[in-house]
Amino acid sequence: MFAEDVDLLPNKMFRRMLEHALARPEEFQSVASDLFGAMKAGGRIGFEHVAWVNGGLFDDDDALSLTKEEITLTMCAANSDWAEIDPSIFGTCSNAGSIPTSAHNLARTTPIATRLC
């Protein structure tokens, strides 16, 4: 969502992927993995170029399987403008989520405006 809103992904690519997956939820994991793989190293999805995304967030192309309801919720979030978010929060959320006690501490010490994860 952030990558799309700061024009790292062309032509609303993430939202288009979600729209596709909403019609075919069983394909979400595969199409998301394709997109994340292209973001990992730079590449293409179809004939559209995808820039390499720095920062390690896409060091692998693992994607979760989502239900139709979860895809709908993700689409709602994607309709927000993520361009003003400080990108360092994504690394903080990712790191804190992998350490059981850190997620709670992150919520207590992170300003409310940046509690997005």
C-alpha atoms as a PDB file:
ATOM      1  CA  MET A   1       0.000   0.000   0.000  1.00  0.00           C
ATOM      2  CA  PHE A   2       2.799   2.404   0.899  1.00  0.00           C
ATOM      3  CA  ALA A   3       4.833   1.374  -2.154  1.00  0.00           C
ATOM      4  CA  GLU A   4       1.841   2.040  -4.365  1.00  0.00           C
ATOM      5  CA  ASP A   5       1.067   5.430  -2.815  1.00  0.00           C
ATOM      6  CA  VAL A   6       4.647   6.679  -3.254  1.00  0.00           C
ATOM      7  CA  ASP A   7       4.665   5.428  -6.856  1.00  0.00           C
ATOM      8  CA  LEU A   8       7.064   2.517  -6.399  1.00  0.00           C
ATOM      9  CA  LEU A   9       4.349   0.303  -7.870  1.00  0.00           C
ATOM     10  CA  PRO A  10       2.837   1.469 -11.153  1.00  0.00           C
ATOM     11  CA  ASN A  11      -0.812   1.968 -12.029  1.00  0.00           C
ATOM     12  CA  LYS A  12      -2.367   0.965  -8.693  1.00  0.00           C
ATOM     13  CA  MET A  13      -0.822  -2.486  -9.066  1.00  0.00           C
ATOM     14  CA  PHE A  14      -1.430  -3.570  -5.474  1.00  0.00           C
ATOM     15  CA  ARG A  15      -5.108  -2.611  -5.600  1.00  0.00           C
ATOM     16  CA  ARG A  16      -5.512  -4.337  -8.956  1.00  0.00           C
ATOM     17  CA  MET A  17      -3.971  -7.467  -7.453  1.00  0.00           C
ATOM     18  CA  LEU A  18      -6.494  -7.277  -4.594  1.00  0.00           C
ATOM     19  CA  GLU A  19      -9.382  -6.809  -7.035  1.00  0.00           C
ATOM     20  CA  HIS A  20      -8.235  -9.887  -8.948  1.00  0.00           C
ATOM     21  CA  ALA A  21      -7.898 -11.875  -5.734  1.00  0.00           C
ATOM     22  CA  LEU A  22     -11.321 -10.780  -4.522  1.00  0.00           C
ATOM     23  CA  ALA A  23     -12.828 -12.579  -7.510  1.00  0.00           C
ATOM     24  CA  ARG A  24     -10.455 -15.544  -7.001  1.00  0.00           C
ATOM     25  CA  PRO A  25      -9.394 -15.677  -3.325  1.00  0.00           C
ATOM     26  CA  GLU A  26      -7.655 -19.017  -3.834  1.00  0.00           C
ATOM     27  CA  GLU A  27      -5.116 -17.202  -6.064  1.00  0.00           C
ATOM     28  CA  PHE A  28      -4.208 -14.457  -3.576  1.00  0.00           C
ATOM     29  CA  GLN A  29      -1.186 -16.197  -2.084  1.00  0.00           C
ATOM     30  CA  SER A  30       0.263 -16.932  -5.520  1.00  0.00           C
ATOM     31  CA  VAL A  31      -0.269 -13.483  -7.049  1.00  0.00           C
ATOM     32  CA  ALA A  32       0.941 -11.722  -3.885  1.00  0.00           C
ATOM     33  CA  SER A  33       4.047 -13.910  -3.865  1.00  0.00           C
ATOM     34  CA  ASP A  34       4.681 -12.976  -7.511  1.00  0.00           C
ATOM     35  CA  LEU A  35       4.417  -9.282  -6.664  1.00  0.00           C
ATOM     36  CA  PHE A  36       6.610  -9.544  -3.566  1.00  0.00           C
ATOM     37  CA  GLY A  37       9.210 -11.474  -5.563  1.00  0.00           C
ATOM     38  CA  ALA A  38       9.320  -8.707  -8.160  1.00  0.00           C
ATOM     39  CA  MET A  39       9.658  -6.098  -5.390  1.00  0.00           C
ATOM     40  CA  LYS A  40      12.473  -8.121  -3.796  1.00  0.00           C
ATOM     41  CA  ALA A  41      14.828  -7.756  -6.743  1.00  0.00           C
ATOM     42  CA  GLY A  42      13.067  -5.544  -9.239  1.00  0.00           C
ATOM     43  CA  GLY A  43      11.352  -7.167 -12.155  1.00  0.00           C
ATOM     44  CA  ARG A  44       8.074  -7.363 -13.982  1.00  0.00           C
ATOM     45  CA  ILE A  45       4.513  -8.405 -13.395  1.00  0.00           C
ATOM     46  CA  GLY A  46       3.158  -9.072 -16.837  1.00  0.00           C
ATOM     47  CA  PHE A  47       4.603  -6.264 -18.947  1.00  0.00           C
ATOM     48  CA  GLU A  48       4.724  -3.712 -16.109  1.00  0.00           C
ATOM     49  CA  HIS A  49       8.050  -2.922 -14.477  1.00  0.00           C
ATOM     50  CA  VAL A  50       8.289  -3.217 -10.700  1.00  0.00           C
ATOM     51  CA  ALA A  51      11.090  -1.342  -8.945  1.00  0.00           C
ATOM     52  CA  TRP A  52      13.343  -2.986  -6.374  1.00  0.00           C
ATOM     53  CA  VAL A  53      12.105  -2.058  -2.895  1.00  0.00           C
ATOM     54  CA  ASN A  54      14.929  -1.313  -0.471  1.00  0.00           C
ATOM     55  CA  GLY A  55      14.871  -2.011   3.243  1.00  0.00           C
ATOM     56  CA  GLY A  56      14.641  -5.786   3.534  1.00  0.00           C
ATOM     57  CA  LEU A  57      10.853  -5.987   3.907  1.00  0.00           C
ATOM     58  CA  PHE A  58      10.679  -8.118   0.753  1.00  0.00           C
ATOM     59  CA  ASP A  59      13.799 -10.233   1.335  1.00  0.00           C
ATOM     60  CA  ASP A  60      11.581 -13.188   0.566  1.00  0.00           C
ATOM     61  CA  ASP A  61       8.387 -13.503  -1.406  1.00  0.00           C
ATOM     62  CA  ASP A  62       6.351 -15.345   1.213  1.00  0.00           C
ATOM     63  CA  ALA A  63       2.677 -14.400   1.233  1.00  0.00           C
ATOM     64  CA  LEU A  64      -0.133 -15.533   3.463  1.00  0.00           C
ATOM     65  CA  SER A  65      -3.287 -17.099   2.162  1.00  0.00           C
ATOM     66  CA  LEU A  66      -6.204 -14.688   2.708  1.00  0.00           C
ATOM     67  CA  THR A  67      -9.932 -15.317   2.760  1.00  0.00           C
ATOM     68  CA  LYS A  68     -12.330 -13.204   0.721  1.00  0.00           C
ATOM     69  CA  GLU A  69     -13.210 -11.260   3.898  1.00  0.00           C
ATOM     70  CA  GLU A  70      -9.526 -10.593   4.660  1.00  0.00           C
ATOM     71  CA  ILE A  71      -8.937  -9.435   1.086  1.00  0.00           C
ATOM     72  CA  THR A  72     -11.902  -7.056   1.425  1.00  0.00           C
ATOM     73  CA  LEU A  73     -10.431  -5.632   4.642  1.00  0.00           C
ATOM     74  CA  THR A  74      -7.061  -5.225   2.942  1.00  0.00           C
ATOM     75  CA  MET A  75      -8.761  -3.384   0.071  1.00  0.00           C
ATOM     76  CA  CYS A  76     -10.331  -0.990   2.587  1.00  0.00           C
ATOM     77  CA  ALA A  77      -6.886  -0.275   4.043  1.00  0.00           C
ATOM     78  CA  ALA A  78      -5.419   0.110   0.549  1.00  0.00           C
ATOM     79  CA  ASN A  79      -7.937   2.875  -0.181  1.00  0.00           C
ATOM     80  CA  SER A  80      -6.212   5.069   2.426  1.00  0.00           C
ATOM     81  CA  ASP A  81      -3.300   7.301   1.476  1.00  0.00           C
ATOM     82  CA  TRP A  82      -0.159   5.703   2.898  1.00  0.00           C
ATOM     83  CA  ALA A  83       2.261   8.187   1.297  1.00  0.00           C
ATOM     84  CA  GLU A  84       2.767  10.245   4.465  1.00  0.00           C
ATOM     85  CA  ILE A  85       3.713   7.273   6.648  1.00  0.00           C
ATOM     86  CA  ASP A  86       7.317   7.186   7.858  1.00  0.00           C
ATOM     87  CA  PRO A  87       8.607   3.999   6.163  1.00  0.00           C
ATOM     88  CA  SER A  88      10.824   3.136   9.147  1.00  0.00           C
ATOM     89  CA  ILE A  89       7.669   2.073  11.015  1.00  0.00           C
ATOM     90  CA  PHE A  90       7.404  -1.004   8.785  1.00  0.00           C
ATOM     91  CA  GLY A  91      10.743  -2.357   9.974  1.00  0.00           C
ATOM     92  CA  THR A  92       9.833  -1.572  13.563  1.00  0.00           C
ATOM     93  CA  CYS A  93       6.519  -3.425  13.247  1.00  0.00           C
ATOM     94  CA  SER A  94       8.149  -6.380  11.536  1.00  0.00           C
ATOM     95  CA  ASN A  95      10.924  -6.689  14.107  1.00  0.00           C
ATOM     96  CA  ALA A  96       8.612  -6.208  17.081  1.00  0.00           C
ATOM     97  CA  GLY A  97       6.159  -8.778  15.775  1.00  0.00           C
ATOM     98  CA  SER A  98       8.867 -11.422  15.718  1.00  0.00           C
ATOM     99  CA  ILE A  99       9.767 -10.919  19.396  1.00  0.00           C
ATOM    100  CA  PRO A 100       6.812 -11.899  21.631  1.00  0.00           C
ATOM    101  CA  THR A 101       7.221  -9.233  24.320  1.00  0.00           C
ATOM    102  CA  SER A 102       8.179  -6.463  21.902  1.00  0.00           C
ATOM    103  CA  ALA A 103       4.780  -6.077  20.272  1.00  0.00           C
ATOM    104  CA  HIS A 104       3.274  -5.009  23.591  1.00  0.00           C
ATOM    105  CA  ASN A 105       6.159  -2.626  24.318  1.00  0.00           C
ATOM    106  CA  LEU A 106       5.905  -1.157  20.816  1.00  0.00           C
ATOM    107  CA  ALA A 107       2.235  -0.363  21.377  1.00  0.00           C
ATOM    108  CA  ARG A 108       3.021   1.405  24.663  1.00  0.00           C
ATOM    109  CA  THR A 109       5.911   3.494  23.323  1.00  0.00           C
ATOM    110  CA  THR A 110       4.880   4.297  19.744  1.00  0.00           C
ATOM    111  CA  PRO A 111       2.956   7.542  19.206  1.00  0.00           C
ATOM    112  CA  ILE A 112      -0.705   6.883  18.442  1.00  0.00           C
ATOM    113  CA  ALA A 113      -0.384   8.407  14.956  1.00  0.00           C
ATOM    114  CA  THR A 114       2.066   5.704  13.918  1.00  0.00           C
ATOM    115  CA  ARG A 115       0.396   2.657  15.512  1.00  0.00           C
ATOM    116  CA  LEU A 116      -0.594   1.061  12.235  1.00  0.00           C
ATOM    117  CA  CYS A 117       0.420  -2.542  12.732  1.00  0.00           C
END
